[in-house]
Amino acid sequence: MATSTAEELIASVGGLSPALAQDIAQHIDECRVLLASGISMDGVQQHLKDQDVPLIQAVLITTRLIGNDPGGLRAAREIVECSPARTPTPPTAA
């Protein structure tokens, strides 16, 4: 049975299978708990990376975390792409 978060995703994002929507919804709900417990958004992004959440799904999740307003997609993309978790570290000199 789909959660309310998964049902909202299915209704608002075309092409999501119920299984993928449920998986993304689970990440959204986990991240909301992390934010509520005082974890920073950078910490949330690290959590998503540690869970092997693909970049595009991290952006979708982040749009839901910051509020799904018209500028939310751009803001979410910036949050994800500029997060220390997603920023490649330069190689160390040998």
C-alpha atoms as a PDB file:
ATOM      1  CA  MET A   1       0.000   0.000   0.000  1.00  0.00           C
ATOM      2  CA  ALA A   2       1.380   3.395  -0.992  1.00  0.00           C
ATOM      3  CA  THR A   3       1.970   6.019   1.656  1.00  0.00           C
ATOM      4  CA  SER A   4       0.431   9.470   1.296  1.00  0.00           C
ATOM      5  CA  THR A   5       3.833  10.818   0.252  1.00  0.00           C
ATOM      6  CA  ALA A   6       4.085   8.175  -2.486  1.00  0.00           C
ATOM      7  CA  GLU A   7       0.535   8.902  -3.651  1.00  0.00           C
ATOM      8  CA  GLU A   8       1.392  12.618  -3.922  1.00  0.00           C
ATOM      9  CA  LEU A   9       4.488  11.781  -5.977  1.00  0.00           C
ATOM     10  CA  ILE A  10       2.527   9.531  -8.340  1.00  0.00           C
ATOM     11  CA  ALA A  11      -0.053  12.291  -8.822  1.00  0.00           C
ATOM     12  CA  SER A  12       2.470  15.073  -9.426  1.00  0.00           C
ATOM     13  CA  VAL A  13       5.412  13.416 -11.197  1.00  0.00           C
ATOM     14  CA  GLY A  14       4.601  11.717 -14.463  1.00  0.00           C
ATOM     15  CA  GLY A  15       6.160   8.377 -15.245  1.00  0.00           C
ATOM     16  CA  LEU A  16       6.977   7.195 -11.740  1.00  0.00           C
ATOM     17  CA  SER A  17       6.165   3.594 -11.066  1.00  0.00           C
ATOM     18  CA  PRO A  18       4.417   2.898  -7.772  1.00  0.00           C
ATOM     19  CA  ALA A  19       7.518   1.050  -6.517  1.00  0.00           C
ATOM     20  CA  LEU A  20       9.875   3.930  -7.361  1.00  0.00           C
ATOM     21  CA  ALA A  21       7.443   6.463  -5.897  1.00  0.00           C
ATOM     22  CA  GLN A  22       7.302   4.452  -2.669  1.00  0.00           C
ATOM     23  CA  ASP A  23      11.115   4.250  -2.528  1.00  0.00           C
ATOM     24  CA  ILE A  24      11.489   8.006  -3.039  1.00  0.00           C
ATOM     25  CA  ALA A  25       8.702   8.687  -0.542  1.00  0.00           C
ATOM     26  CA  GLN A  26      10.530   6.621   2.059  1.00  0.00           C
ATOM     27  CA  HIS A  27      13.631   8.761   1.548  1.00  0.00           C
ATOM     28  CA  ILE A  28      11.546  11.946   1.829  1.00  0.00           C
ATOM     29  CA  ASP A  29      10.021  10.781   5.099  1.00  0.00           C
ATOM     30  CA  GLU A  30      13.434   9.735   6.480  1.00  0.00           C
ATOM     31  CA  CYS A  31      14.937  13.089   5.557  1.00  0.00           C
ATOM     32  CA  ARG A  32      12.072  14.999   7.158  1.00  0.00           C
ATOM     33  CA  VAL A  33      12.818  13.153  10.397  1.00  0.00           C
ATOM     34  CA  LEU A  34      16.521  13.996  10.070  1.00  0.00           C
ATOM     35  CA  LEU A  35      15.769  17.684   9.513  1.00  0.00           C
ATOM     36  CA  ALA A  36      13.339  17.721  12.433  1.00  0.00           C
ATOM     37  CA  SER A  37      16.037  16.231  14.661  1.00  0.00           C
ATOM     38  CA  GLY A  38      18.390  19.103  13.851  1.00  0.00           C
ATOM     39  CA  ILE A  39      20.481  17.566  11.073  1.00  0.00           C
ATOM     40  CA  SER A  40      21.493  20.209   8.521  1.00  0.00           C
ATOM     41  CA  MET A  41      20.528  20.048   4.861  1.00  0.00           C
ATOM     42  CA  ASP A  42      24.161  19.186   4.084  1.00  0.00           C
ATOM     43  CA  GLY A  43      23.806  16.273   6.498  1.00  0.00           C
ATOM     44  CA  VAL A  44      20.649  15.197   4.710  1.00  0.00           C
ATOM     45  CA  GLN A  45      22.469  15.340   1.379  1.00  0.00           C
ATOM     46  CA  GLN A  46      25.266  13.207   2.822  1.00  0.00           C
ATOM     47  CA  HIS A  47      22.642  10.714   4.037  1.00  0.00           C
ATOM     48  CA  LEU A  48      21.138  10.522   0.544  1.00  0.00           C
ATOM     49  CA  LYS A  49      24.555   9.999  -1.021  1.00  0.00           C
ATOM     50  CA  ASP A  50      25.379   7.312   1.568  1.00  0.00           C
ATOM     51  CA  GLN A  51      22.110   5.585   0.589  1.00  0.00           C
ATOM     52  CA  ASP A  52      23.226   5.674  -3.090  1.00  0.00           C
ATOM     53  CA  VAL A  53      20.321   7.906  -4.052  1.00  0.00           C
ATOM     54  CA  PRO A  54      20.917   9.132  -7.620  1.00  0.00           C
ATOM     55  CA  LEU A  55      21.391  12.864  -8.154  1.00  0.00           C
ATOM     56  CA  ILE A  56      18.069  13.419  -9.936  1.00  0.00           C
ATOM     57  CA  GLN A  57      16.166  11.629  -7.170  1.00  0.00           C
ATOM     58  CA  ALA A  58      18.051  13.685  -4.556  1.00  0.00           C
ATOM     59  CA  VAL A  59      16.837  16.822  -6.331  1.00  0.00           C
ATOM     60  CA  LEU A  60      13.244  15.538  -6.324  1.00  0.00           C
ATOM     61  CA  ILE A  61      13.496  14.645  -2.638  1.00  0.00           C
ATOM     62  CA  THR A  62      14.997  18.021  -1.809  1.00  0.00           C
ATOM     63  CA  THR A  63      12.197  19.881  -3.647  1.00  0.00           C
ATOM     64  CA  ARG A  64       9.743  18.181  -1.330  1.00  0.00           C
ATOM     65  CA  LEU A  65      11.832  19.004   1.746  1.00  0.00           C
ATOM     66  CA  ILE A  66      12.115  22.718   0.998  1.00  0.00           C
ATOM     67  CA  GLY A  67       8.570  23.165  -0.245  1.00  0.00           C
ATOM     68  CA  ASN A  68       7.263  22.462  -3.697  1.00  0.00           C
ATOM     69  CA  ASP A  69       6.950  26.077  -4.867  1.00  0.00           C
ATOM     70  CA  PRO A  70       7.697  27.380  -8.391  1.00  0.00           C
ATOM     71  CA  GLY A  71      11.336  28.230  -7.570  1.00  0.00           C
ATOM     72  CA  GLY A  72      11.817  25.048  -5.575  1.00  0.00           C
ATOM     73  CA  LEU A  73      13.328  22.994  -8.370  1.00  0.00           C
ATOM     74  CA  ARG A  74      16.120  25.506  -9.004  1.00  0.00           C
ATOM     75  CA  ALA A  75      16.786  25.903  -5.283  1.00  0.00           C
ATOM     76  CA  ALA A  76      16.785  22.133  -4.733  1.00  0.00           C
ATOM     77  CA  ARG A  77      19.160  21.596  -7.625  1.00  0.00           C
ATOM     78  CA  GLU A  78      21.568  24.168  -6.177  1.00  0.00           C
ATOM     79  CA  ILE A  79      21.347  22.592  -2.708  1.00  0.00           C
ATOM     80  CA  VAL A  80      22.110  19.129  -4.061  1.00  0.00           C
ATOM     81  CA  GLU A  81      24.783  20.095  -6.570  1.00  0.00           C
ATOM     82  CA  CYS A  82      26.596  22.455  -4.167  1.00  0.00           C
ATOM     83  CA  SER A  83      26.413  20.107  -1.193  1.00  0.00           C
ATOM     84  CA  PRO A  84      29.795  18.959   0.120  1.00  0.00           C
ATOM     85  CA  ALA A  85      28.445  15.416  -0.227  1.00  0.00           C
ATOM     86  CA  ARG A  86      28.066  15.838  -3.994  1.00  0.00           C
ATOM     87  CA  THR A  87      31.046  18.098  -4.646  1.00  0.00           C
ATOM     88  CA  PRO A  88      34.013  16.094  -5.881  1.00  0.00           C
ATOM     89  CA  THR A  89      37.114  16.443  -3.772  1.00  0.00           C
ATOM     90  CA  PRO A  90      40.315  17.213  -5.629  1.00  0.00           C
ATOM     91  CA  PRO A  91      42.851  14.386  -5.745  1.00  0.00           C
ATOM     92  CA  THR A  92      45.586  14.561  -3.157  1.00  0.00           C
ATOM     93  CA  ALA A  93      49.118  15.192  -4.304  1.00  0.00           C
ATOM     94  CA  ALA A  94      51.387  12.190  -4.147  1.00  0.00           C
END
